[in-house]
Protein backbone atom coordinates (compact mmCIF):
# COMPACT_ATOMS: atom_id res chain seq x y z
CA MET A 1 15.79 40.68 -39.96
CA ALA A 2 18.50 39.09 -42.10
CA THR A 3 18.65 35.41 -41.26
CA ASN A 4 22.43 35.48 -41.00
CA HIS A 5 22.27 38.37 -38.50
CA PRO A 6 20.04 36.83 -35.80
CA LEU A 7 21.06 39.38 -33.16
CA SER A 8 19.87 42.37 -35.18
CA GLY A 9 18.19 44.83 -32.79
CA ILE A 10 20.28 43.76 -29.78
CA THR A 11 22.50 46.38 -28.11
CA VAL A 12 25.68 45.26 -26.35
CA LEU A 13 27.88 47.50 -24.19
CA ASP A 14 31.47 46.27 -24.49
CA LEU A 15 33.54 47.43 -21.48
CA THR A 16 36.29 44.92 -22.18
CA ASN A 17 40.00 44.99 -22.92
CA VAL A 18 42.61 42.98 -24.85
CA LEU A 19 41.18 39.62 -25.94
CA ALA A 20 38.66 37.43 -24.07
CA GLY A 21 35.98 40.13 -23.74
CA PRO A 22 36.57 41.83 -27.09
CA PHE A 23 36.52 38.42 -28.78
CA ALA A 24 33.16 37.59 -27.17
CA CYS A 25 31.69 40.88 -28.37
CA HIS A 26 33.30 40.34 -31.79
CA GLN A 27 31.15 37.21 -32.17
CA LEU A 28 28.01 39.14 -31.17
CA ALA A 29 28.76 41.99 -33.59
CA HIS A 30 29.11 39.61 -36.52
CA LEU A 31 25.80 38.04 -35.58
CA GLY A 32 24.12 41.41 -35.94
CA ALA A 33 24.25 43.06 -32.51
CA GLU A 34 25.01 46.76 -32.19
CA VAL A 35 28.16 46.73 -30.06
CA ILE A 36 29.15 49.98 -28.35
CA LYS A 37 32.70 49.75 -27.09
CA VAL A 38 33.11 51.90 -23.99
CA GLU A 39 36.81 52.78 -23.67
CA ALA A 40 38.98 54.67 -21.21
CA VAL A 41 39.47 58.34 -22.04
CA GLY A 42 42.77 59.03 -23.78
CA ARG A 43 43.92 55.41 -23.76
CA GLY A 44 41.20 53.04 -24.83
CA ASP A 45 41.46 49.28 -25.05
CA LEU A 46 44.96 48.15 -24.07
CA ALA A 47 45.06 46.12 -27.28
CA ARG A 48 45.28 49.37 -29.25
CA GLY A 49 48.95 49.40 -28.28
CA LEU A 50 49.64 45.73 -28.94
CA GLY A 51 50.54 43.70 -32.00
CA ALA A 52 53.28 42.98 -34.51
CA SER A 53 53.32 46.49 -36.04
CA PRO A 54 54.93 49.19 -33.87
CA ASP A 55 53.63 51.86 -36.28
CA LEU A 56 50.00 50.79 -35.90
CA SER A 57 50.40 50.44 -32.13
CA ALA A 58 51.74 54.00 -31.98
CA LYS A 59 48.61 55.17 -33.79
CA GLY A 60 46.34 53.43 -31.28
CA MET A 61 45.26 50.93 -33.93
CA GLY A 62 47.42 47.97 -32.92
CA ILE A 63 46.96 44.72 -34.82
CA SER A 64 45.74 43.03 -31.63
CA PHE A 65 42.92 45.59 -31.55
CA LEU A 66 42.14 45.36 -35.26
CA ALA A 67 41.76 41.58 -34.97
CA GLN A 68 38.49 41.58 -33.00
CA ASN A 69 36.87 44.99 -33.05
CA ALA A 70 35.46 45.42 -36.56
CA GLY A 71 31.82 46.44 -36.66
CA LYS A 72 31.85 48.06 -33.23
CA LYS A 73 31.23 51.67 -32.26
CA SER A 74 33.76 53.33 -29.94
CA MET A 75 32.97 55.90 -27.30
CA THR A 76 35.23 57.12 -24.50
CA LEU A 77 33.93 57.47 -20.97
CA ASN A 78 35.56 58.13 -17.60
CA LEU A 79 33.83 55.66 -15.34
CA LYS A 80 35.56 57.11 -12.27
CA SER A 81 33.70 60.40 -12.64
CA ALA A 82 30.15 60.95 -11.39
CA GLU A 83 29.11 62.22 -14.81
CA GLY A 84 30.64 59.17 -16.52
CA LYS A 85 28.75 56.83 -14.21
CA ALA A 86 25.54 58.69 -14.98
CA VAL A 87 26.11 58.33 -18.72
CA LEU A 88 26.70 54.59 -18.36
CA LYS A 89 23.49 54.21 -16.36
CA ARG A 90 21.59 56.01 -19.08
CA LEU A 91 23.16 53.70 -21.66
CA ILE A 92 22.11 50.70 -19.57
CA GLN A 93 18.45 51.66 -19.76
CA SER A 94 18.29 50.85 -23.47
CA ALA A 95 20.93 48.11 -23.59
CA ASP A 96 20.35 44.36 -23.66
CA VAL A 97 23.82 43.17 -22.63
CA LEU A 98 26.87 44.49 -20.79
CA VAL A 99 30.17 42.63 -20.99
CA GLU A 100 33.18 43.44 -18.79
CA ASN A 101 36.45 41.67 -18.04
CA PHE A 102 37.82 43.70 -15.16
CA ARG A 103 39.23 41.86 -12.18
CA PRO A 104 36.48 40.77 -9.76
CA GLY A 105 35.27 43.61 -7.55
CA VAL A 106 36.38 46.50 -9.78
CA MET A 107 32.90 47.31 -11.07
CA ASP A 108 31.45 47.13 -7.55
CA ARG A 109 34.14 49.54 -6.28
CA LEU A 110 33.19 51.92 -9.09
CA GLY A 111 29.58 51.72 -7.93
CA LEU A 112 28.65 50.03 -11.21
CA GLY A 113 28.28 46.40 -10.17
CA PRO A 114 25.59 44.11 -11.54
CA GLU A 115 23.04 44.85 -8.81
CA THR A 116 23.36 48.60 -9.37
CA LEU A 117 23.14 48.38 -13.14
CA ARG A 118 20.30 45.86 -13.16
CA ALA A 119 18.36 48.24 -10.90
CA GLU A 120 18.48 50.60 -13.89
CA ASN A 121 17.36 47.81 -16.24
CA PRO A 122 16.15 44.55 -14.68
CA LYS A 123 16.25 42.85 -18.09
CA LEU A 124 19.96 43.53 -18.49
CA ILE A 125 22.21 40.55 -19.15
CA TYR A 126 25.42 41.32 -17.24
CA CYS A 127 28.40 39.17 -18.26
CA ALA A 128 31.65 39.27 -16.30
CA ILE A 129 34.67 37.45 -17.74
CA SER A 130 37.69 36.82 -15.52
CA GLY A 131 40.55 34.40 -15.16
CA PHE A 132 39.16 32.35 -12.30
CA GLY A 133 35.58 33.58 -11.83
CA GLN A 134 33.96 35.90 -9.32
CA SER A 135 34.38 33.54 -6.36
CA GLY A 136 36.86 31.02 -4.97
CA PRO A 137 40.35 31.29 -3.44
CA TRP A 138 41.94 32.30 -6.77
CA ALA A 139 39.31 34.90 -7.73
CA ASP A 140 41.52 37.91 -6.99
CA ARG A 141 44.55 36.60 -8.86
CA PRO A 142 45.60 38.41 -12.03
CA ALA A 143 45.29 36.12 -15.02
CA TYR A 144 46.71 36.02 -18.50
CA ASP A 145 46.26 33.36 -21.14
CA GLN A 146 49.41 31.39 -20.37
CA ILE A 147 48.71 31.43 -16.64
CA ILE A 148 45.30 29.86 -17.33
CA GLN A 149 46.80 27.30 -19.72
CA GLY A 150 49.20 26.27 -16.98
CA ALA A 151 46.61 26.26 -14.20
CA ALA A 152 44.04 24.30 -16.25
CA GLY A 153 46.44 21.45 -17.02
CA VAL A 154 46.62 22.29 -20.73
CA MET A 155 50.38 22.76 -20.65
CA ALA A 156 50.79 19.55 -18.65
CA VAL A 157 49.28 17.52 -21.52
CA THR A 158 50.90 19.46 -24.37
CA GLY A 159 54.37 18.79 -25.71
CA THR A 160 56.59 15.78 -25.10
CA ASP A 161 58.14 14.16 -22.04
CA ALA A 162 61.56 15.22 -23.27
CA GLY A 163 60.56 18.83 -23.90
CA GLY A 164 58.33 19.28 -20.87
CA PRO A 165 55.01 21.15 -20.65
CA THR A 166 54.32 23.48 -23.58
CA ARG A 167 51.78 26.24 -24.11
CA VAL A 168 49.39 26.04 -27.04
CA GLY A 169 50.69 28.37 -29.75
CA TYR A 170 47.83 30.89 -29.68
CA PRO A 171 45.78 32.43 -26.81
CA LEU A 172 43.60 29.38 -26.27
CA ALA A 173 42.24 30.33 -22.85
CA ASP A 174 41.27 33.85 -23.91
CA THR A 175 39.45 32.71 -27.04
CA VAL A 176 37.70 29.78 -25.34
CA GLY A 177 36.65 32.13 -22.55
CA GLY A 178 35.32 34.58 -25.14
CA LEU A 179 33.39 31.90 -27.01
CA THR A 180 31.93 30.61 -23.73
CA ALA A 181 30.74 34.12 -22.87
CA ALA A 182 29.20 34.63 -26.30
CA MET A 183 27.39 31.29 -26.05
CA ALA A 184 26.03 32.07 -22.58
CA ILE A 185 24.90 35.55 -23.67
CA THR A 186 23.05 34.29 -26.75
CA ALA A 187 21.34 31.67 -24.59
CA ALA A 188 20.34 34.33 -22.06
CA LEU A 189 18.93 36.49 -24.84
CA ASN A 190 16.61 33.61 -25.71
CA ALA A 191 15.29 33.17 -22.16
CA PRO A 192 11.53 33.66 -21.66
CA GLU A 193 12.34 36.31 -19.05
CA ARG A 194 15.51 38.25 -19.70
CA GLY A 195 17.87 39.48 -17.03
CA CYS A 196 20.72 37.63 -15.33
CA VAL A 197 24.35 37.79 -14.23
CA ILE A 198 26.77 35.54 -16.13
CA ASP A 199 30.07 34.67 -14.45
CA VAL A 200 32.59 33.29 -16.98
CA SER A 201 35.79 31.83 -15.59
CA MET A 202 38.46 31.27 -18.23
CA LEU A 203 39.76 28.40 -16.09
CA ASP A 204 36.33 26.75 -16.03
CA ALA A 205 35.81 27.40 -19.74
CA VAL A 206 39.07 25.70 -20.68
CA LEU A 207 38.46 22.75 -18.35
CA ALA A 208 35.02 22.29 -19.92
CA THR A 209 36.67 21.77 -23.32
CA MET A 210 39.00 19.09 -21.94
CA GLY A 211 36.19 16.55 -21.64
CA TRP A 212 38.05 13.41 -22.69
CA VAL A 213 41.13 14.20 -20.62
CA VAL A 214 39.07 15.12 -17.57
CA SER A 215 36.81 12.08 -17.86
CA ASN A 216 39.70 9.67 -18.41
CA HIS A 217 41.01 10.90 -15.06
CA LEU A 218 37.70 11.11 -13.17
CA ILE A 219 36.08 7.94 -14.49
CA GLY A 220 38.93 5.82 -15.81
CA GLY A 221 41.56 6.75 -13.24
CA VAL A 222 44.03 7.38 -16.05
CA ALA A 223 46.51 10.18 -15.49
CA PRO A 224 47.02 12.31 -18.62
CA VAL A 225 50.47 12.35 -20.18
CA ARG A 226 52.20 14.37 -22.89
CA ASN A 227 51.97 12.60 -26.24
CA GLY A 228 53.45 15.21 -28.57
CA ASN A 229 51.92 14.71 -32.02
CA GLU A 230 50.71 11.19 -31.27
CA ASN A 231 47.01 10.41 -30.80
CA PRO A 232 46.91 8.27 -27.62
CA THR A 233 43.56 6.68 -28.52
CA SER A 234 44.74 4.89 -31.66
CA ALA A 235 47.66 3.92 -33.90
CA PRO A 236 48.85 4.63 -36.48
CA SER A 237 47.45 8.06 -35.70
CA GLY A 238 49.56 11.20 -35.46
CA ALA A 239 52.04 13.26 -37.45
CA PHE A 240 54.36 11.39 -39.83
CA GLN A 241 57.46 12.66 -41.58
CA CYS A 242 57.30 12.96 -45.35
CA ALA A 243 59.89 14.22 -47.82
CA ASP A 244 58.95 17.88 -47.33
CA GLY A 245 57.23 18.07 -43.97
CA LEU A 246 54.70 16.47 -41.67
CA LEU A 247 51.49 14.65 -42.60
CA ASN A 248 48.73 13.93 -40.10
CA ILE A 249 47.26 10.46 -40.58
CA ALA A 250 44.33 9.10 -38.56
CA ALA A 251 44.01 5.40 -39.40
CA ASN A 252 41.81 4.83 -36.36
CA LYS A 253 39.70 1.96 -37.72
CA ASP A 254 40.93 -1.50 -38.69
CA GLU A 255 39.80 -1.00 -42.27
CA GLN A 256 41.73 2.28 -42.45
CA TRP A 257 44.85 0.59 -41.07
CA ASN A 258 44.54 -2.19 -43.63
CA ALA A 259 44.07 0.29 -46.48
CA LEU A 260 47.06 2.37 -45.34
CA ALA A 261 49.45 -0.55 -45.09
CA LYS A 262 48.43 -1.90 -48.49
CA HIS A 263 48.69 1.49 -50.19
CA LEU A 264 52.19 1.96 -48.83
CA GLY A 265 53.18 -1.50 -50.02
CA ARG A 266 53.71 -2.69 -46.46
CA GLU A 267 51.35 -5.66 -46.37
CA ASP A 268 53.99 -7.38 -44.26
CA LEU A 269 52.98 -5.18 -41.34
CA LEU A 270 49.46 -6.62 -41.46
CA GLU A 271 50.93 -10.05 -40.80
CA ALA A 272 53.02 -8.98 -37.82
CA ALA A 273 51.61 -10.13 -34.49
CA ILE A 274 52.75 -6.94 -32.75
CA TYR A 275 50.36 -4.93 -34.95
CA ALA A 276 47.46 -7.37 -35.02
CA THR A 277 44.98 -5.39 -32.91
CA ARG A 278 44.34 -1.75 -32.10
CA GLU A 279 45.83 -2.23 -28.64
CA ASP A 280 48.87 -3.97 -30.11
CA ARG A 281 49.44 -1.07 -32.49
CA LYS A 282 49.08 1.43 -29.64
CA ALA A 283 51.61 -0.47 -27.54
CA ASN A 284 54.10 -0.51 -30.42
CA ARG A 285 53.18 2.81 -31.99
CA LEU A 286 56.67 4.29 -32.28
CA ARG A 287 58.07 1.18 -33.93
CA LEU A 288 55.11 1.14 -36.32
CA LYS A 289 55.58 4.83 -37.07
CA ALA A 290 59.21 4.25 -38.04
CA GLU A 291 58.19 1.43 -40.38
CA LEU A 292 55.60 3.59 -42.14
CA GLU A 293 57.98 6.51 -42.46
CA THR A 294 60.42 4.40 -44.48
CA VAL A 295 57.85 4.79 -47.28
CA LEU A 296 56.24 8.13 -46.42
CA THR A 297 59.58 9.99 -46.52
CA THR A 298 60.02 9.11 -50.19
CA ARG A 299 57.34 11.58 -51.32
CA ASN A 300 55.74 14.91 -50.46
CA ALA A 301 53.00 15.26 -47.87
CA GLN A 302 50.49 16.79 -50.32
CA ASP A 303 50.81 13.79 -52.65
CA TRP A 304 50.20 11.33 -49.83
CA GLU A 305 47.31 13.48 -48.54
CA THR A 306 45.48 13.24 -51.86
CA GLU A 307 46.00 9.52 -52.30
CA LEU A 308 45.18 8.50 -48.74
CA ASN A 309 41.97 10.49 -48.60
CA GLN A 310 40.89 8.89 -51.87
CA ILE A 311 41.13 5.42 -50.30
CA GLY A 312 39.31 6.47 -47.11
CA VAL A 313 42.29 7.08 -44.84
CA PRO A 314 41.96 10.54 -43.22
CA ALA A 315 45.12 12.54 -43.87
CA GLY A 316 46.16 16.18 -44.00
CA ALA A 317 49.45 17.98 -44.45
CA VAL A 318 50.59 20.20 -41.59
CA LEU A 319 50.24 23.66 -43.15
CA ALA A 320 51.73 27.03 -42.38
CA LEU A 321 49.16 29.72 -41.53
CA GLU A 322 49.74 31.59 -44.79
CA ASP A 323 49.07 28.39 -46.75
CA VAL A 324 45.72 27.63 -45.14
CA LEU A 325 44.53 31.26 -45.32
CA GLY A 326 45.25 31.26 -49.05
CA HIS A 327 43.66 27.89 -49.73
CA PRO A 328 40.34 27.77 -51.64
CA GLN A 329 38.81 25.86 -48.72
CA VAL A 330 39.07 29.11 -46.75
CA THR A 331 38.88 31.75 -49.46
CA ASP A 332 35.82 30.24 -51.14
CA ARG A 333 33.86 30.34 -47.88
CA ASP A 334 34.25 34.10 -47.21
CA PHE A 335 36.19 33.65 -43.99
CA LEU A 336 37.94 37.02 -44.24
CA SER A 337 36.55 40.55 -44.34
CA HIS A 338 38.44 43.15 -46.36
CA PHE A 339 38.36 46.83 -45.47
CA ALA A 340 39.97 48.97 -48.17
CA ASP A 341 40.71 51.96 -45.98
CA VAL A 342 40.71 51.92 -42.19
CA PRO A 343 40.62 55.36 -40.54
CA GLY A 344 43.41 55.70 -38.01
CA ALA A 345 45.39 52.88 -39.56
CA GLU A 346 45.36 54.54 -43.01
CA MET A 347 45.75 51.23 -44.77
CA PRO A 348 43.67 48.27 -45.96
CA ILE A 349 43.25 45.29 -43.65
CA ASP A 350 41.85 41.77 -43.74
CA VAL A 351 40.39 40.30 -40.56
CA ALA A 352 38.72 37.03 -39.63
CA ARG A 353 34.98 36.70 -39.36
CA ILE A 354 33.31 34.12 -37.10
CA GLY A 355 33.62 30.38 -37.56
CA ALA A 356 30.06 29.69 -38.68
CA MET A 357 27.81 30.21 -41.67
CA VAL A 358 24.07 30.89 -41.40
CA ASP A 359 21.83 29.86 -44.29
CA GLY A 360 24.86 29.46 -46.50
CA LYS A 361 26.33 32.90 -45.78
CA ARG A 362 29.11 34.01 -43.44
CA PRO A 363 27.82 36.69 -41.03
CA ALA A 364 29.84 39.86 -41.51
CA VAL A 365 30.08 43.39 -40.19
CA THR A 366 30.23 46.31 -42.59
CA THR A 367 32.49 48.77 -40.76
CA PRO A 368 36.18 48.54 -39.84
CA PRO A 369 37.57 48.69 -36.30
CA PRO A 370 36.90 52.19 -34.92
CA VAL A 371 39.26 54.97 -34.01
CA LEU A 372 39.25 55.66 -30.27
CA GLY A 373 36.11 57.64 -29.42
CA GLN A 374 34.94 57.76 -33.03
CA HIS A 375 31.27 57.44 -32.10
CA THR A 376 31.21 59.22 -28.73
CA ASP A 377 29.17 62.20 -29.90
CA GLN A 378 26.82 60.01 -31.93
CA VAL A 379 26.06 57.76 -28.95
CA LEU A 380 25.58 60.65 -26.54
CA GLU A 381 23.28 62.49 -28.96
CA GLY A 382 21.24 59.31 -29.23
CA LEU A 383 20.86 59.36 -25.45
CA GLY A 384 19.49 62.90 -25.61
CA TYR A 385 22.55 64.91 -24.55
CA SER A 386 22.84 68.35 -26.14
CA THR A 387 25.81 69.69 -28.08
CA THR A 388 26.62 71.96 -25.13
CA GLU A 389 26.51 69.10 -22.63
CA ILE A 390 28.78 66.99 -24.83
CA ALA A 391 31.26 69.87 -25.13
CA ASP A 392 31.23 70.28 -21.34
CA PHE A 393 31.85 66.53 -20.89
CA ARG A 394 34.85 66.77 -23.18
CA GLN A 395 36.21 69.82 -21.38
CA GLU A 396 35.86 68.09 -17.99
CA GLY A 397 37.50 64.84 -19.14
CA VAL A 398 34.30 62.81 -18.84
CA ILE A 399 34.63 61.67 -22.48
């Protein structure tokens, strides 16, 4: 087993759509699991029709699908048909994990709930991902990323007082939910006795990542507020205007504050009583920010970034996505996979791998995102179905 593919030999059935579930299985595929994506006949994952390229969406290879389905096999299966249910149960017998992100109750109504499927394979790890979990007064609510961001209090602490609550600029709740599912699944795979039902609530998953905000409220009695680009725990700490854009500076320690003021030629600020202590600087943070920006705006952010980091003051320019993806810090660490020719898309693509390296190497899959149903026959043959049976399934709309 390759050390950077620790899930080699594990089979995952991916019954998920759009983002949270596919992203969870995307992590598992990169770590070496065989992921079989079970998609609706004739339609497939809804993400096949989503993304910034209408042409790719029309081909059923939407960018939203391409983003997190590399390395998976695709088979189509009508889970509403008796034959389709029978095929899934046969798949379950040799699978280690099943992941689904239907609304709570859908799999039970299909007759394919966790109790039914684990009767076929008691060692099955069944993972259900939903907006609010499988229980509770909100369980039946439909949920999308922004709804979860709003319900979890993320939007309430993002943005400024003047601008009001603001969503995070990417699908935070979906990806955090997916990562939470992947973490729980890998833990369950390591249990002395396998077999369990994992209930991932995107709401719970997001709240779990808000530890400081939650604890400040629960323990400190401090209500969270919107701070924009300011770090409420320290000052000067936040985003500062330079000649060409914003620069994040985190002078959180006294020695960092001293070094920053001296480097900017503003030793006078060190003598001012209103900036004498950390708490003083926090109380007068906007005034202090304006003083520092009188110097910072005279030069470019990248220049200040280099100099401040050299003197031990953490700093980083606020970059556009294309700038960071092209930076050697990313390119030298094999963050992207390149596929020269993607069937269905008929073009080369680059997609992100996972955010970890194992033994100095980035885990990677070797095959591009699949065309809808590309591996249906292969999977069914592996289950022992004959060519005639497969042809009949196709004729009857089972696959």
